[in-house]
Amino acid sequence: TWPDDESYLDFLRRTRELAASTGCKVIASINAHTEEGWEQQCDLVNRSGADGVEINLGCPVTGGIRPETGEFFPRPQGYYPEIVEHWAGTCARRLRVPASVKLPGHSLDPVSSARAIQGSGCQGIQYADTRVVPDPALVIDLDTAQPAVFPGTGRVGGIPSASWFLPFIMGRVAQFRGEGIAIDISGCGGVQ
């Protein structure tokens, strides 16, 4: 969480400078709840120099607002395929960098959401969010640029602890492919 957009923009630009000599790509992550908020976040990414962006519809703690009614709902925005379609399309039309959409693992109809993303102009899907993933794939301490200790675990590294993680995620990826989803799919917890 950033105190304001300019702080995040500065972070992305500094990260881009640090990564320039390594060949690493910088992927921004955005989340909003309103048309204005999504447009503002997309414009920030376009100004940042990031190589790509994760459209975060999977964050389990934020809830969402229905674009057509303004009604708040206490689930991740990616829970509902029609909201995925709306926000993925809104962002894809506005962004000038490749975009992927992070979906929650606990959504109403993941295949319909994946179809909506594929039709939106976005280049990929990140499945599933960190609510399904018991630990992030890798936590990096930004001050030391070293792998950090997972909060509350005392462990360093990036191996999810639950044995169900891989079969669950890979099963969904296989389902997406079987249903004709041809865009890139990442079976991970998204940008951390």
C-alpha atoms as a PDB file:
ATOM      1  CA  THR A   1       0.000   0.000   0.000  1.00  0.00           C
ATOM      2  CA  TRP A   2       1.302   3.407  -0.969  1.00  0.00           C
ATOM      3  CA  PRO A   3       0.363   6.684   0.726  1.00  0.00           C
ATOM      4  CA  ASP A   4      -0.349   8.294  -2.643  1.00  0.00           C
ATOM      5  CA  ASP A   5       0.016   7.768  -6.373  1.00  0.00           C
ATOM      6  CA  GLU A   6       3.172   9.864  -6.666  1.00  0.00           C
ATOM      7  CA  SER A   7       4.946   7.655  -4.116  1.00  0.00           C
ATOM      8  CA  TYR A   8       4.069   4.565  -6.138  1.00  0.00           C
ATOM      9  CA  LEU A   9       5.101   6.272  -9.379  1.00  0.00           C
ATOM     10  CA  ASP A  10       8.451   7.168  -7.810  1.00  0.00           C
ATOM     11  CA  PHE A  11       8.884   3.572  -6.585  1.00  0.00           C
ATOM     12  CA  LEU A  12       8.193   2.177 -10.064  1.00  0.00           C
ATOM     13  CA  ARG A  13      10.601   4.598 -11.706  1.00  0.00           C
ATOM     14  CA  ARG A  14      13.366   3.858  -9.186  1.00  0.00           C
ATOM     15  CA  THR A  15      12.804   0.126  -9.600  1.00  0.00           C
ATOM     16  CA  ARG A  16      12.988   0.521 -13.374  1.00  0.00           C
ATOM     17  CA  GLU A  17      16.324   2.345 -13.050  1.00  0.00           C
ATOM     18  CA  LEU A  18      17.726  -0.373 -10.775  1.00  0.00           C
ATOM     19  CA  ALA A  19      16.515  -3.151 -13.073  1.00  0.00           C
ATOM     20  CA  ALA A  20      17.730  -1.538 -16.310  1.00  0.00           C
ATOM     21  CA  SER A  21      21.199  -3.077 -16.232  1.00  0.00           C
ATOM     22  CA  THR A  22      19.938  -6.550 -15.260  1.00  0.00           C
ATOM     23  CA  GLY A  23      17.496  -7.186 -18.065  1.00  0.00           C
ATOM     24  CA  CYS A  24      14.749  -7.765 -15.494  1.00  0.00           C
ATOM     25  CA  LYS A  25      11.258  -6.513 -16.275  1.00  0.00           C
ATOM     26  CA  VAL A  26       9.264  -4.316 -13.927  1.00  0.00           C
ATOM     27  CA  ILE A  27       5.617  -5.241 -13.524  1.00  0.00           C
ATOM     28  CA  ALA A  28       3.342  -2.769 -11.768  1.00  0.00           C
ATOM     29  CA  SER A  29       0.237  -3.830  -9.872  1.00  0.00           C
ATOM     30  CA  ILE A  30      -2.923  -1.730  -9.792  1.00  0.00           C
ATOM     31  CA  ASN A  31      -6.258  -1.898  -8.026  1.00  0.00           C
ATOM     32  CA  ALA A  32      -9.173   0.539  -7.861  1.00  0.00           C
ATOM     33  CA  HIS A  33     -12.933   0.552  -7.378  1.00  0.00           C
ATOM     34  CA  THR A  34     -14.261   3.261  -9.668  1.00  0.00           C
ATOM     35  CA  GLU A  35     -13.931   4.238 -13.315  1.00  0.00           C
ATOM     36  CA  GLU A  36     -11.950   7.298 -12.271  1.00  0.00           C
ATOM     37  CA  GLY A  37      -9.719   5.233 -10.008  1.00  0.00           C
ATOM     38  CA  TRP A  38      -8.914   2.658 -12.701  1.00  0.00           C
ATOM     39  CA  GLU A  39      -8.226   5.389 -15.275  1.00  0.00           C
ATOM     40  CA  GLN A  40      -5.919   7.158 -12.809  1.00  0.00           C
ATOM     41  CA  GLN A  41      -4.030   3.917 -12.037  1.00  0.00           C
ATOM     42  CA  CYS A  42      -3.663   3.077 -15.753  1.00  0.00           C
ATOM     43  CA  ASP A  43      -2.336   6.570 -16.482  1.00  0.00           C
ATOM     44  CA  LEU A  44       0.157   6.217 -13.621  1.00  0.00           C
ATOM     45  CA  VAL A  45       1.454   2.936 -15.094  1.00  0.00           C
ATOM     46  CA  ASN A  46       1.701   4.529 -18.541  1.00  0.00           C
ATOM     47  CA  ARG A  47       3.887   7.307 -17.068  1.00  0.00           C
ATOM     48  CA  SER A  48       6.000   4.952 -14.927  1.00  0.00           C
ATOM     49  CA  GLY A  49       8.109   3.148 -17.515  1.00  0.00           C
ATOM     50  CA  ALA A  50       6.934  -0.234 -16.179  1.00  0.00           C
ATOM     51  CA  ASP A  51       7.187  -3.067 -18.695  1.00  0.00           C
ATOM     52  CA  GLY A  52       3.788  -4.495 -17.839  1.00  0.00           C
ATOM     53  CA  VAL A  53       1.008  -4.404 -15.282  1.00  0.00           C
ATOM     54  CA  GLU A  54      -1.054  -6.733 -13.143  1.00  0.00           C
ATOM     55  CA  ILE A  55      -4.686  -5.645 -12.947  1.00  0.00           C
ATOM     56  CA  ASN A  56      -5.423  -6.853  -9.439  1.00  0.00           C
ATOM     57  CA  LEU A  57      -8.986  -8.143  -9.301  1.00  0.00           C
ATOM     58  CA  GLY A  58      -8.017 -10.882  -6.879  1.00  0.00           C
ATOM     59  CA  CYS A  59      -7.182  -8.984  -3.724  1.00  0.00           C
ATOM     60  CA  PRO A  60      -9.387 -10.554  -1.061  1.00  0.00           C
ATOM     61  CA  VAL A  61      -9.326  -7.668   1.386  1.00  0.00           C
ATOM     62  CA  THR A  62     -10.607  -4.795  -0.703  1.00  0.00           C
ATOM     63  CA  GLY A  63     -14.074  -5.826  -1.815  1.00  0.00           C
ATOM     64  CA  GLY A  64     -15.475  -4.025  -4.811  1.00  0.00           C
ATOM     65  CA  ILE A  65     -18.072  -1.696  -6.239  1.00  0.00           C
ATOM     66  CA  ARG A  66     -20.415  -2.698  -9.058  1.00  0.00           C
ATOM     67  CA  PRO A  67     -19.732  -0.263 -11.945  1.00  0.00           C
ATOM     68  CA  GLU A  68     -23.366  -0.147 -13.027  1.00  0.00           C
ATOM     69  CA  THR A  69     -24.935   0.495  -9.600  1.00  0.00           C
ATOM     70  CA  GLY A  70     -22.238   1.767  -7.253  1.00  0.00           C
ATOM     71  CA  GLU A  71     -23.187  -1.037  -4.842  1.00  0.00           C
ATOM     72  CA  PHE A  72     -20.368  -2.294  -2.570  1.00  0.00           C
ATOM     73  CA  PHE A  73     -19.790  -6.049  -2.307  1.00  0.00           C
ATOM     74  CA  PRO A  74     -17.445  -7.749   0.189  1.00  0.00           C
ATOM     75  CA  ARG A  75     -15.736 -10.104  -2.278  1.00  0.00           C
ATOM     76  CA  PRO A  76     -12.726  -9.620  -4.549  1.00  0.00           C
ATOM     77  CA  GLN A  77     -13.661  -7.813  -7.749  1.00  0.00           C
ATOM     78  CA  GLY A  78     -12.598 -10.869  -9.720  1.00  0.00           C
ATOM     79  CA  TYR A  79     -15.337 -12.946  -8.076  1.00  0.00           C
ATOM     80  CA  TYR A  80     -17.927 -11.864 -10.664  1.00  0.00           C
ATOM     81  CA  PRO A  81     -17.263 -12.466 -14.399  1.00  0.00           C
ATOM     82  CA  GLU A  82     -19.198  -9.358 -15.476  1.00  0.00           C
ATOM     83  CA  ILE A  83     -17.014  -7.161 -13.274  1.00  0.00           C
ATOM     84  CA  VAL A  84     -13.874  -8.879 -14.577  1.00  0.00           C
ATOM     85  CA  GLU A  85     -15.046  -8.143 -18.109  1.00  0.00           C
ATOM     86  CA  HIS A  86     -15.744  -4.483 -17.323  1.00  0.00           C
ATOM     87  CA  TRP A  87     -12.507  -3.631 -15.519  1.00  0.00           C
ATOM     88  CA  ALA A  88     -10.216  -5.760 -17.728  1.00  0.00           C
ATOM     89  CA  GLY A  89     -11.652  -4.055 -20.810  1.00  0.00           C
ATOM     90  CA  THR A  90     -11.461  -0.596 -19.256  1.00  0.00           C
ATOM     91  CA  CYS A  91      -7.797  -1.072 -18.395  1.00  0.00           C
ATOM     92  CA  ALA A  92      -6.794  -2.823 -21.639  1.00  0.00           C
ATOM     93  CA  ARG A  93      -8.162   0.100 -23.673  1.00  0.00           C
ATOM     94  CA  ARG A  94      -6.280   2.661 -21.593  1.00  0.00           C
ATOM     95  CA  LEU A  95      -2.929   0.959 -20.949  1.00  0.00           C
ATOM     96  CA  ARG A  96       0.073   1.227 -23.283  1.00  0.00           C
ATOM     97  CA  VAL A  97       1.890  -1.781 -21.757  1.00  0.00           C
ATOM     98  CA  PRO A  98       1.011  -5.501 -21.682  1.00  0.00           C
ATOM     99  CA  ALA A  99      -1.497  -6.356 -18.967  1.00  0.00           C
ATOM    100  CA  SER A 100      -2.497  -9.480 -17.094  1.00  0.00           C
ATOM    101  CA  VAL A 101      -5.413  -9.879 -14.701  1.00  0.00           C
ATOM    102  CA  LYS A 102      -5.049 -11.483 -11.283  1.00  0.00           C
ATOM    103  CA  LEU A 103      -8.086 -13.603 -10.428  1.00  0.00           C
ATOM    104  CA  PRO A 104      -9.113 -14.960  -7.054  1.00  0.00           C
ATOM    105  CA  GLY A 105      -9.149 -18.727  -6.653  1.00  0.00           C
ATOM    106  CA  HIS A 106     -12.589 -18.546  -5.103  1.00  0.00           C
ATOM    107  CA  SER A 107     -14.637 -16.961  -7.885  1.00  0.00           C
ATOM    108  CA  LEU A 108     -18.178 -17.550  -9.050  1.00  0.00           C
ATOM    109  CA  ASP A 109     -17.261 -18.802 -12.549  1.00  0.00           C
ATOM    110  CA  PRO A 110     -13.513 -18.806 -13.246  1.00  0.00           C
ATOM    111  CA  VAL A 111     -13.874 -19.990 -16.857  1.00  0.00           C
ATOM    112  CA  SER A 112     -16.252 -17.142 -17.726  1.00  0.00           C
ATOM    113  CA  SER A 113     -13.852 -14.712 -16.068  1.00  0.00           C
ATOM    114  CA  ALA A 114     -10.941 -16.143 -18.079  1.00  0.00           C
ATOM    115  CA  ARG A 115     -12.974 -15.788 -21.289  1.00  0.00           C
ATOM    116  CA  ALA A 116     -13.738 -12.177 -20.403  1.00  0.00           C
ATOM    117  CA  ILE A 117     -10.033 -11.476 -19.878  1.00  0.00           C
ATOM    118  CA  GLN A 118      -9.125 -13.148 -23.167  1.00  0.00           C
ATOM    119  CA  GLY A 119     -11.701 -11.000 -24.976  1.00  0.00           C
ATOM    120  CA  SER A 120     -10.661  -7.783 -23.237  1.00  0.00           C
ATOM    121  CA  GLY A 121      -7.330  -7.273 -24.959  1.00  0.00           C
ATOM    122  CA  CYS A 122      -5.288  -8.225 -21.890  1.00  0.00           C
ATOM    123  CA  GLN A 123      -2.378 -10.579 -22.555  1.00  0.00           C
ATOM    124  CA  GLY A 124      -2.576 -12.903 -19.572  1.00  0.00           C
ATOM    125  CA  ILE A 125      -4.171 -14.315 -16.454  1.00  0.00           C
ATOM    126  CA  GLN A 126      -2.584 -14.717 -13.039  1.00  0.00           C
ATOM    127  CA  TYR A 127      -4.399 -17.415 -11.137  1.00  0.00           C
ATOM    128  CA  ALA A 128      -4.861 -17.317  -8.154  1.00  0.00           C
ATOM    129  CA  ASP A 129      -4.498 -14.575  -5.582  1.00  0.00           C
ATOM    130  CA  THR A 130      -2.639 -14.907  -2.307  1.00  0.00           C
ATOM    131  CA  ARG A 131      -5.785 -15.886  -0.405  1.00  0.00           C
ATOM    132  CA  VAL A 132      -5.549 -19.263  -2.117  1.00  0.00           C
ATOM    133  CA  VAL A 133      -1.774 -19.287  -1.987  1.00  0.00           C
ATOM    134  CA  PRO A 134      -0.833 -19.838   1.667  1.00  0.00           C
ATOM    135  CA  ASP A 135       2.445 -17.923   1.331  1.00  0.00           C
ATOM    136  CA  PRO A 136       3.548 -15.593  -1.449  1.00  0.00           C
ATOM    137  CA  ALA A 137       5.799 -17.190  -4.046  1.00  0.00           C
ATOM    138  CA  LEU A 138       8.672 -15.002  -2.910  1.00  0.00           C
ATOM    139  CA  VAL A 139       8.967 -12.008  -0.615  1.00  0.00           C
ATOM    140  CA  ILE A 140      11.833  -9.609  -1.254  1.00  0.00           C
ATOM    141  CA  ASP A 141      13.044  -7.099   1.321  1.00  0.00           C
ATOM    142  CA  LEU A 142      13.203  -3.899  -0.757  1.00  0.00           C
ATOM    143  CA  ASP A 143      15.898  -2.361   1.426  1.00  0.00           C
ATOM    144  CA  THR A 144      18.350  -5.259   1.132  1.00  0.00           C
ATOM    145  CA  ALA A 145      17.153  -6.788  -2.174  1.00  0.00           C
ATOM    146  CA  GLN A 146      17.346 -10.195  -0.457  1.00  0.00           C
ATOM    147  CA  PRO A 147      14.668 -12.839   0.179  1.00  0.00           C
ATOM    148  CA  ALA A 148      12.763 -11.857   3.302  1.00  0.00           C
ATOM    149  CA  VAL A 149      11.296 -13.853   6.170  1.00  0.00           C
ATOM    150  CA  PHE A 150       7.613 -14.666   5.653  1.00  0.00           C
ATOM    151  CA  PRO A 151       5.598 -12.723   8.227  1.00  0.00           C
ATOM    152  CA  GLY A 152       4.607 -14.929  11.147  1.00  0.00           C
ATOM    153  CA  THR A 153       6.486 -18.014   9.908  1.00  0.00           C
ATOM    154  CA  GLY A 154      10.162 -17.421  10.555  1.00  0.00           C
ATOM    155  CA  ARG A 155      10.870 -19.048   7.152  1.00  0.00           C
ATOM    156  CA  VAL A 156      12.920 -17.533   4.348  1.00  0.00           C
ATOM    157  CA  GLY A 157      12.344 -18.447   0.734  1.00  0.00           C
ATOM    158  CA  GLY A 158       9.396 -19.084  -1.497  1.00  0.00           C
ATOM    159  CA  ILE A 159       7.880 -22.541  -1.239  1.00  0.00           C
ATOM    160  CA  PRO A 160       4.139 -22.601  -0.514  1.00  0.00           C
ATOM    161  CA  SER A 161       3.416 -24.759   2.499  1.00  0.00           C
ATOM    162  CA  ALA A 162       0.163 -26.459   1.532  1.00  0.00           C
ATOM    163  CA  SER A 163       0.270 -29.700  -0.426  1.00  0.00           C
ATOM    164  CA  TRP A 164      -2.997 -28.853  -2.209  1.00  0.00           C
ATOM    165  CA  PHE A 165      -1.630 -25.691  -3.822  1.00  0.00           C
ATOM    166  CA  LEU A 166      -0.044 -27.156  -6.946  1.00  0.00           C
ATOM    167  CA  PRO A 167      -2.847 -29.580  -7.916  1.00  0.00           C
ATOM    168  CA  PHE A 168      -5.510 -26.924  -7.324  1.00  0.00           C
ATOM    169  CA  ILE A 169      -3.830 -24.239  -9.414  1.00  0.00           C
ATOM    170  CA  MET A 170      -2.611 -26.570 -12.160  1.00  0.00           C
ATOM    171  CA  GLY A 171      -6.062 -28.159 -12.382  1.00  0.00           C
ATOM    172  CA  ARG A 172      -7.598 -24.754 -13.007  1.00  0.00           C
ATOM    173  CA  VAL A 173      -4.932 -23.862 -15.589  1.00  0.00           C
ATOM    174  CA  ALA A 174      -5.665 -27.161 -17.380  1.00  0.00           C
ATOM    175  CA  GLN A 175      -9.385 -26.380 -17.237  1.00  0.00           C
ATOM    176  CA  PHE A 176      -8.786 -22.949 -18.793  1.00  0.00           C
ATOM    177  CA  ARG A 177      -6.756 -24.508 -21.631  1.00  0.00           C
ATOM    178  CA  GLY A 178      -9.398 -27.191 -22.157  1.00  0.00           C
ATOM    179  CA  GLU A 179     -12.026 -24.457 -22.444  1.00  0.00           C
ATOM    180  CA  GLY A 180     -10.043 -22.684 -25.175  1.00  0.00           C
ATOM    181  CA  ILE A 181      -8.322 -19.987 -23.154  1.00  0.00           C
ATOM    182  CA  ALA A 182      -5.231 -19.341 -25.274  1.00  0.00           C
ATOM    183  CA  ILE A 183      -3.657 -16.268 -23.634  1.00  0.00           C
ATOM    184  CA  ASP A 184      -0.757 -16.619 -21.197  1.00  0.00           C
ATOM    185  CA  ILE A 185      -1.652 -18.103 -17.803  1.00  0.00           C
ATOM    186  CA  SER A 186       0.518 -17.924 -14.708  1.00  0.00           C
ATOM    187  CA  GLY A 187      -0.340 -20.250 -11.822  1.00  0.00           C
ATOM    188  CA  CYS A 188       0.996 -18.041  -9.046  1.00  0.00           C
ATOM    189  CA  GLY A 189      -0.024 -15.583  -6.395  1.00  0.00           C
ATOM    190  CA  GLY A 190       0.535 -12.547  -8.602  1.00  0.00           C
ATOM    191  CA  VAL A 191       2.808  -9.579  -7.995  1.00  0.00           C
ATOM    192  CA  GLN A 192       3.734  -9.413  -4.313  1.00  0.00           C
END
